[in-house]
């Protein structure tokens, strides 16, 4: 149920913005599955080096996708000051 609610919210946000994100074939879609989005985010890692935290592999495409998630989800990927 939680998975379905998350997927519906992302799709609603994409619909409202009238934009799509790339699917598995590289074509834009406004109806991605949450499973696909999670697979795209698998390459993002938190690197801590000498006490400094840095998110690596957060590409522009992933940042765009992340904008369609609630702020409570975005905070896990975007480090502030």
PDB file of N, CA and C in Angstrom:
ATOM      1  N   UNK A   1       0.825  -1.182   0.000  1.00  0.00           N
ATOM      2  CA  UNK A   1       0.000   0.000   0.000  1.00  0.00           C
ATOM      3  C   UNK A   1       0.882   1.265   0.000  1.00  0.00           C
ATOM      4  N   UNK A   2       1.923   1.275   0.816  1.00  0.00           N
ATOM      5  CA  UNK A   2       2.802   2.444   0.884  1.00  0.00           C
ATOM      6  C   UNK A   2       3.479   2.672  -0.465  1.00  0.00           C
ATOM      7  N   UNK A   3       3.910   1.593  -1.093  1.00  0.00           N
ATOM      8  CA  UNK A   3       4.551   1.661  -2.409  1.00  0.00           C
ATOM      9  C   UNK A   3       3.595   2.293  -3.419  1.00  0.00           C
ATOM     10  N   UNK A   4       2.351   1.857  -3.425  1.00  0.00           N
ATOM     11  CA  UNK A   4       1.347   2.390  -4.363  1.00  0.00           C
ATOM     12  C   UNK A   4       1.081   3.866  -4.115  1.00  0.00           C
ATOM     13  N   UNK A   5       1.027   4.267  -2.857  1.00  0.00           N
ATOM     14  CA  UNK A   5       0.802   5.674  -2.528  1.00  0.00           C
ATOM     15  C   UNK A   5       1.972   6.540  -2.996  1.00  0.00           C
ATOM     16  N   UNK A   6       3.192   6.058  -2.805  1.00  0.00           N
ATOM     17  CA  UNK A   6       4.365   6.789  -3.250  1.00  0.00           C
ATOM     18  C   UNK A   6       4.393   6.943  -4.761  1.00  0.00           C
ATOM     19  N   UNK A   7       4.092   5.872  -5.458  1.00  0.00           N
ATOM     20  CA  UNK A   7       4.067   5.895  -6.922  1.00  0.00           C
ATOM     21  C   UNK A   7       3.005   6.856  -7.429  1.00  0.00           C
ATOM     22  N   UNK A   8       1.839   6.830  -6.799  1.00  0.00           N
ATOM     23  CA  UNK A   8       0.753   7.719  -7.209  1.00  0.00           C
ATOM     24  C   UNK A   8       1.127   9.182  -6.999  1.00  0.00           C
ATOM     25  N   UNK A   9       1.809   9.475  -5.890  1.00  0.00           N
ATOM     26  CA  UNK A   9       2.212  10.848  -5.601  1.00  0.00           C
ATOM     27  C   UNK A   9       3.224  11.356  -6.627  1.00  0.00           C
ATOM     28  N   UNK A  10       4.209  10.550  -6.964  1.00  0.00           N
ATOM     29  CA  UNK A  10       5.205  10.949  -7.964  1.00  0.00           C
ATOM     30  C   UNK A  10       4.535  11.174  -9.313  1.00  0.00           C
ATOM     31  N   UNK A  11       3.652  10.289  -9.699  1.00  0.00           N
ATOM     32  CA  UNK A  11       2.958  10.439 -10.984  1.00  0.00           C
ATOM     33  C   UNK A  11       2.079  11.690 -10.995  1.00  0.00           C
ATOM     34  N   UNK A  12       1.450  11.988  -9.870  1.00  0.00           N
ATOM     35  CA  UNK A  12       0.609  13.185  -9.778  1.00  0.00           C
ATOM     36  C   UNK A  12       1.460  14.441  -9.938  1.00  0.00           C
ATOM     37  N   UNK A  13       2.617  14.454  -9.290  1.00  0.00           N
ATOM     38  CA  UNK A  13       3.521  15.599  -9.394  1.00  0.00           C
ATOM     39  C   UNK A  13       4.025  15.781 -10.835  1.00  0.00           C
ATOM     40  N   UNK A  14       4.356  14.690 -11.484  1.00  0.00           N
ATOM     41  CA  UNK A  14       4.802  14.756 -12.882  1.00  0.00           C
ATOM     42  C   UNK A  14       3.682  15.272 -13.784  1.00  0.00           C
ATOM     43  N   UNK A  15       2.467  14.797 -13.553  1.00  0.00           N
ATOM     44  CA  UNK A  15       1.320  15.239 -14.343  1.00  0.00           C
ATOM     45  C   UNK A  15       1.087  16.734 -14.160  1.00  0.00           C
ATOM     46  N   UNK A  16       1.131  17.207 -12.915  1.00  0.00           N
ATOM     47  CA  UNK A  16       0.909  18.627 -12.638  1.00  0.00           C
ATOM     48  C   UNK A  16       1.983  19.503 -13.278  1.00  0.00           C
ATOM     49  N   UNK A  17       3.204  19.018 -13.315  1.00  0.00           N
ATOM     50  CA  UNK A  17       4.302  19.778 -13.915  1.00  0.00           C
ATOM     51  C   UNK A  17       4.342  19.614 -15.435  1.00  0.00           C
ATOM     52  N   UNK A  18       3.529  18.704 -15.951  1.00  0.00           N
ATOM     53  CA  UNK A  18       3.488  18.393 -17.383  1.00  0.00           C
ATOM     54  C   UNK A  18       4.882  18.089 -17.917  1.00  0.00           C
ATOM     55  N   UNK A  19       5.540  17.168 -17.231  1.00  0.00           N
ATOM     56  CA  UNK A  19       6.899  16.768 -17.588  1.00  0.00           C
ATOM     57  C   UNK A  19       7.013  15.258 -17.414  1.00  0.00           C
ATOM     58  N   UNK A  20       8.004  14.695 -18.038  1.00  0.00           N
ATOM     59  CA  UNK A  20       8.262  13.266 -17.892  1.00  0.00           C
ATOM     60  C   UNK A  20       9.701  13.029 -17.484  1.00  0.00           C
ATOM     61  N   UNK A  21       9.972  11.820 -17.067  1.00  0.00           N
ATOM     62  CA  UNK A  21      11.338  11.417 -16.758  1.00  0.00           C
ATOM     63  C   UNK A  21      11.659  10.193 -17.612  1.00  0.00           C
ATOM     64  N   UNK A  22      12.926   9.954 -17.891  1.00  0.00           N
ATOM     65  CA  UNK A  22      13.282   8.828 -18.757  1.00  0.00           C
ATOM     66  C   UNK A  22      12.922   7.474 -18.139  1.00  0.00           C
ATOM     67  N   UNK A  23      12.376   6.604 -18.975  1.00  0.00           N
ATOM     68  CA  UNK A  23      12.078   5.245 -18.525  1.00  0.00           C
ATOM     69  C   UNK A  23      13.243   4.330 -18.890  1.00  0.00           C
ATOM     70  N   UNK A  24      13.030   3.023 -18.800  1.00  0.00           N
ATOM     71  CA  UNK A  24      14.093   2.054 -19.073  1.00  0.00           C
ATOM     72  C   UNK A  24      14.630   2.148 -20.501  1.00  0.00           C
ATOM     73  N   UNK A  25      13.808   2.614 -21.425  1.00  0.00           N
ATOM     74  CA  UNK A  25      14.216   2.722 -22.825  1.00  0.00           C
ATOM     75  C   UNK A  25      14.748   4.107 -23.178  1.00  0.00           C
ATOM     76  N   UNK A  26      14.780   5.005 -22.190  1.00  0.00           N
ATOM     77  CA  UNK A  26      15.266   6.350 -22.421  1.00  0.00           C
ATOM     78  C   UNK A  26      14.214   7.316 -22.926  1.00  0.00           C
ATOM     79  N   UNK A  27      12.977   6.848 -23.059  1.00  0.00           N
ATOM     80  CA  UNK A  27      11.884   7.705 -23.515  1.00  0.00           C
ATOM     81  C   UNK A  27      11.222   8.359 -22.307  1.00  0.00           C
ATOM     82  N   UNK A  28      10.727   9.578 -22.503  1.00  0.00           N
ATOM     83  CA  UNK A  28      10.080  10.283 -21.406  1.00  0.00           C
ATOM     84  C   UNK A  28       8.724   9.669 -21.083  1.00  0.00           C
ATOM     85  N   UNK A  29       8.450   9.563 -19.798  1.00  0.00           N
ATOM     86  CA  UNK A  29       7.160   9.066 -19.340  1.00  0.00           C
ATOM     87  C   UNK A  29       6.726   9.857 -18.112  1.00  0.00           C
ATOM     88  N   UNK A  30       5.426  10.086 -18.012  1.00  0.00           N
ATOM     89  CA  UNK A  30       4.859  10.736 -16.832  1.00  0.00           C
ATOM     90  C   UNK A  30       4.292   9.690 -15.880  1.00  0.00           C
ATOM     91  N   UNK A  31       4.465   8.409 -16.229  1.00  0.00           N
ATOM     92  CA  UNK A  31       3.930   7.332 -15.401  1.00  0.00           C
ATOM     93  C   UNK A  31       5.006   6.281 -15.084  1.00  0.00           C
ATOM     94  N   UNK A  32       6.112   6.720 -14.470  1.00  0.00           N
ATOM     95  CA  UNK A  32       7.149   5.743 -14.121  1.00  0.00           C
ATOM     96  C   UNK A  32       6.714   4.899 -12.933  1.00  0.00           C
ATOM     97  N   UNK A  33       7.271   3.712 -12.848  1.00  0.00           N
ATOM     98  CA  UNK A  33       7.006   2.901 -11.663  1.00  0.00           C
ATOM     99  C   UNK A  33       7.980   3.327 -10.579  1.00  0.00           C
ATOM    100  N   UNK A  34       7.575   3.193  -9.343  1.00  0.00           N
ATOM    101  CA  UNK A  34       8.442   3.534  -8.232  1.00  0.00           C
ATOM    102  C   UNK A  34       9.635   2.582  -8.190  1.00  0.00           C
ATOM    103  N   UNK A  35       9.427   1.366  -8.629  1.00  0.00           N
ATOM    104  CA  UNK A  35      10.521   0.399  -8.684  1.00  0.00           C
ATOM    105  C   UNK A  35      11.627   0.887  -9.620  1.00  0.00           C
ATOM    106  N   UNK A  36      11.238   1.421 -10.775  1.00  0.00           N
ATOM    107  CA  UNK A  36      12.222   1.933 -11.724  1.00  0.00           C
ATOM    108  C   UNK A  36      12.984   3.117 -11.127  1.00  0.00           C
ATOM    109  N   UNK A  37      12.264   4.017 -10.469  1.00  0.00           N
ATOM    110  CA  UNK A  37      12.909   5.174  -9.851  1.00  0.00           C
ATOM    111  C   UNK A  37      13.909   4.717  -8.789  1.00  0.00           C
ATOM    112  N   UNK A  38      13.522   3.754  -7.969  1.00  0.00           N
ATOM    113  CA  UNK A  38      14.431   3.248  -6.947  1.00  0.00           C
ATOM    114  C   UNK A  38      15.662   2.606  -7.582  1.00  0.00           C
ATOM    115  N   UNK A  39      15.494   1.920  -8.697  1.00  0.00           N
ATOM    116  CA  UNK A  39      16.644   1.326  -9.377  1.00  0.00           C
ATOM    117  C   UNK A  39      17.581   2.410  -9.895  1.00  0.00           C
ATOM    118  N   UNK A  40      17.032   3.502 -10.378  1.00  0.00           N
ATOM    119  CA  UNK A  40      17.864   4.610 -10.864  1.00  0.00           C
ATOM    120  C   UNK A  40      18.658   5.245  -9.726  1.00  0.00           C
ATOM    121  N   UNK A  41      18.127   5.192  -8.519  1.00  0.00           N
ATOM    122  CA  UNK A  41      18.775   5.809  -7.368  1.00  0.00           C
ATOM    123  C   UNK A  41      19.766   4.884  -6.675  1.00  0.00           C
ATOM    124  N   UNK A  42      19.915   3.649  -7.137  1.00  0.00           N
ATOM    125  CA  UNK A  42      20.821   2.703  -6.483  1.00  0.00           C
ATOM    126  C   UNK A  42      22.275   3.144  -6.531  1.00  0.00           C
ATOM    127  N   UNK A  43      22.663   3.922  -7.516  1.00  0.00           N
ATOM    128  CA  UNK A  43      24.059   4.324  -7.651  1.00  0.00           C
ATOM    129  C   UNK A  43      24.447   5.528  -6.814  1.00  0.00           C
ATOM    130  N   UNK A  44      23.515   6.084  -6.048  1.00  0.00           N
ATOM    131  CA  UNK A  44      23.798   7.249  -5.215  1.00  0.00           C
ATOM    132  C   UNK A  44      24.324   6.759  -3.867  1.00  0.00           C
ATOM    133  N   UNK A  45      25.434   7.358  -3.432  1.00  0.00           N
ATOM    134  CA  UNK A  45      26.048   6.922  -2.171  1.00  0.00           C
ATOM    135  C   UNK A  45      26.423   8.119  -1.314  1.00  0.00           C
ATOM    136  N   UNK A  46      26.470   7.894  -0.012  1.00  0.00           N
ATOM    137  CA  UNK A  46      26.941   8.895   0.929  1.00  0.00           C
ATOM    138  C   UNK A  46      28.383   8.563   1.261  1.00  0.00           C
ATOM    139  N   UNK A  47      29.264   9.498   1.002  1.00  0.00           N
ATOM    140  CA  UNK A  47      30.689   9.326   1.269  1.00  0.00           C
ATOM    141  C   UNK A  47      31.056  10.214   2.453  1.00  0.00           C
ATOM    142  N   UNK A  48      31.665   9.637   3.462  1.00  0.00           N
ATOM    143  CA  UNK A  48      32.142  10.405   4.609  1.00  0.00           C
ATOM    144  C   UNK A  48      33.655  10.270   4.624  1.00  0.00           C
ATOM    145  N   UNK A  49      34.331  11.395   4.422  1.00  0.00           N
ATOM    146  CA  UNK A  49      35.790  11.396   4.383  1.00  0.00           C
ATOM    147  C   UNK A  49      36.288  12.497   5.308  1.00  0.00           C
ATOM    148  N   UNK A  50      37.043  12.121   6.299  1.00  0.00           N
ATOM    149  CA  UNK A  50      37.570  13.039   7.304  1.00  0.00           C
ATOM    150  C   UNK A  50      36.460  13.870   7.921  1.00  0.00           C
ATOM    151  N   UNK A  51      35.346  13.217   8.194  1.00  0.00           N
ATOM    152  CA  UNK A  51      34.215  13.860   8.847  1.00  0.00           C
ATOM    153  C   UNK A  51      33.342  14.710   7.950  1.00  0.00           C
ATOM    154  N   UNK A  52      33.653  14.782   6.662  1.00  0.00           N
ATOM    155  CA  UNK A  52      32.867  15.586   5.725  1.00  0.00           C
ATOM    156  C   UNK A  52      31.972  14.654   4.918  1.00  0.00           C
ATOM    157  N   UNK A  53      30.673  14.935   4.943  1.00  0.00           N
ATOM    158  CA  UNK A  53      29.704  14.124   4.203  1.00  0.00           C
ATOM    159  C   UNK A  53      29.516  14.687   2.803  1.00  0.00           C
ATOM    160  N   UNK A  54      29.476  13.770   1.838  1.00  0.00           N
ATOM    161  CA  UNK A  54      29.255  14.170   0.448  1.00  0.00           C
ATOM    162  C   UNK A  54      28.425  13.097  -0.247  1.00  0.00           C
ATOM    163  N   UNK A  55      27.404  13.532  -0.989  1.00  0.00           N
ATOM    164  CA  UNK A  55      26.587  12.617  -1.773  1.00  0.00           C
ATOM    165  C   UNK A  55      27.228  12.509  -3.152  1.00  0.00           C
ATOM    166  N   UNK A  56      27.526  11.277  -3.587  1.00  0.00           N
ATOM    167  CA  UNK A  56      28.167  11.073  -4.885  1.00  0.00           C
ATOM    168  C   UNK A  56      27.197  10.403  -5.856  1.00  0.00           C
ATOM    169  N   UNK A  57      27.398  10.682  -7.128  1.00  0.00           N
ATOM    170  CA  UNK A  57      26.591  10.153  -8.232  1.00  0.00           C
ATOM    171  C   UNK A  57      25.173  10.714  -8.264  1.00  0.00           C
ATOM    172  N   UNK A  58      24.985  11.894  -7.728  1.00  0.00           N
ATOM    173  CA  UNK A  58      23.674  12.543  -7.794  1.00  0.00           C
ATOM    174  C   UNK A  58      23.666  13.419  -9.038  1.00  0.00           C
ATOM    175  N   UNK A  59      23.302  12.825 -10.170  1.00  0.00           N
ATOM    176  CA  UNK A  59      23.336  13.494 -11.474  1.00  0.00           C
ATOM    177  C   UNK A  59      22.181  14.492 -11.611  1.00  0.00           C
ATOM    178  N   UNK A  60      22.256  15.305 -12.641  1.00  0.00           N
ATOM    179  CA  UNK A  60      21.183  16.264 -12.918  1.00  0.00           C
ATOM    180  C   UNK A  60      19.857  15.541 -13.165  1.00  0.00           C
ATOM    181  N   UNK A  61      19.916  14.419 -13.849  1.00  0.00           N
ATOM    182  CA  UNK A  61      18.705  13.635 -14.121  1.00  0.00           C
ATOM    183  C   UNK A  61      18.085  13.126 -12.817  1.00  0.00           C
ATOM    184  N   UNK A  62      18.926  12.650 -11.911  1.00  0.00           N
ATOM    185  CA  UNK A  62      18.425  12.168 -10.619  1.00  0.00           C
ATOM    186  C   UNK A  62      17.899  13.316  -9.777  1.00  0.00           C
ATOM    187  N   UNK A  63      18.547  14.475  -9.839  1.00  0.00           N
ATOM    188  CA  UNK A  63      18.060  15.651  -9.114  1.00  0.00           C
ATOM    189  C   UNK A  63      16.691  16.071  -9.628  1.00  0.00           C
ATOM    190  N   UNK A  64      16.503  16.013 -10.949  1.00  0.00           N
ATOM    191  CA  UNK A  64      15.204  16.349 -11.526  1.00  0.00           C
ATOM    192  C   UNK A  64      14.132  15.401 -10.994  1.00  0.00           C
ATOM    193  N   UNK A  65      14.418  14.125 -11.003  1.00  0.00           N
ATOM    194  CA  UNK A  65      13.459  13.136 -10.495  1.00  0.00           C
ATOM    195  C   UNK A  65      13.166  13.380  -9.026  1.00  0.00           C
ATOM    196  N   UNK A  66      14.184  13.708  -8.275  1.00  0.00           N
ATOM    197  CA  UNK A  66      14.042  13.926  -6.837  1.00  0.00           C
ATOM    198  C   UNK A  66      13.118  15.091  -6.515  1.00  0.00           C
ATOM    199  N   UNK A  67      13.036  16.066  -7.411  1.00  0.00           N
ATOM    200  CA  UNK A  67      12.183  17.234  -7.183  1.00  0.00           C
ATOM    201  C   UNK A  67      10.704  16.870  -7.097  1.00  0.00           C
ATOM    202  N   UNK A  68      10.336  15.707  -7.589  1.00  0.00           N
ATOM    203  CA  UNK A  68       8.934  15.302  -7.578  1.00  0.00           C
ATOM    204  C   UNK A  68       8.566  14.492  -6.337  1.00  0.00           C
ATOM    205  N   UNK A  69       9.513  14.345  -5.440  1.00  0.00           N
ATOM    206  CA  UNK A  69       9.269  13.688  -4.167  1.00  0.00           C
ATOM    207  C   UNK A  69       9.042  14.754  -3.099  1.00  0.00           C
ATOM    208  N   UNK A  70       8.349  14.420  -2.026  1.00  0.00           N
ATOM    209  CA  UNK A  70       8.160  15.389  -0.937  1.00  0.00           C
ATOM    210  C   UNK A  70       9.505  15.773  -0.317  1.00  0.00           C
ATOM    211  N   UNK A  71       9.540  16.948   0.315  1.00  0.00           N
ATOM    212  CA  UNK A  71      10.772  17.421   0.952  1.00  0.00           C
ATOM    213  C   UNK A  71      11.303  16.436   1.982  1.00  0.00           C
ATOM    214  N   UNK A  72      10.416  15.721   2.643  1.00  0.00           N
ATOM    215  CA  UNK A  72      10.849  14.743   3.645  1.00  0.00           C
ATOM    216  C   UNK A  72      11.691  13.637   3.014  1.00  0.00           C
ATOM    217  N   UNK A  73      11.477  13.335   1.745  1.00  0.00           N
ATOM    218  CA  UNK A  73      12.291  12.338   1.032  1.00  0.00           C
ATOM    219  C   UNK A  73      13.557  12.966   0.462  1.00  0.00           C
ATOM    220  N   UNK A  74      13.437  14.185   0.000  1.00  0.00           N
ATOM    221  CA  UNK A  74      14.578  14.859  -0.611  1.00  0.00           C
ATOM    222  C   UNK A  74      15.723  15.052   0.377  1.00  0.00           C
ATOM    223  N   UNK A  75      15.406  15.217   1.660  1.00  0.00           N
ATOM    224  CA  UNK A  75      16.455  15.500   2.647  1.00  0.00           C
ATOM    225  C   UNK A  75      17.475  14.372   2.764  1.00  0.00           C
ATOM    226  N   UNK A  76      17.132  13.185   2.345  1.00  0.00           N
ATOM    227  CA  UNK A  76      18.077  12.059   2.421  1.00  0.00           C
ATOM    228  C   UNK A  76      19.145  12.120   1.335  1.00  0.00           C
ATOM    229  N   UNK A  77      18.885  12.889   0.295  1.00  0.00           N
ATOM    230  CA  UNK A  77      19.818  12.960  -0.826  1.00  0.00           C
ATOM    231  C   UNK A  77      20.517  14.311  -0.946  1.00  0.00           C
ATOM    232  N   UNK A  78      19.887  15.348  -0.429  1.00  0.00           N
ATOM    233  CA  UNK A  78      20.452  16.686  -0.564  1.00  0.00           C
ATOM    234  C   UNK A  78      20.955  17.137   0.798  1.00  0.00           C
ATOM    235  N   UNK A  79      22.257  17.305   0.903  1.00  0.00           N
ATOM    236  CA  UNK A  79      22.863  17.759   2.148  1.00  0.00           C
ATOM    237  C   UNK A  79      22.867  19.286   2.170  1.00  0.00           C
ATOM    238  N   UNK A  80      22.526  19.833   3.304  1.00  0.00           N
ATOM    239  CA  UNK A  80      22.563  21.291   3.429  1.00  0.00           C
ATOM    240  C   UNK A  80      23.734  21.694   4.315  1.00  0.00           C
ATOM    241  N   UNK A  81      24.404  22.748   3.876  1.00  0.00           N
ATOM    242  CA  UNK A  81      25.523  23.353   4.581  1.00  0.00           C
ATOM    243  C   UNK A  81      26.173  22.490   5.513  1.00  0.00           C
TER     244      UNK A  81
END
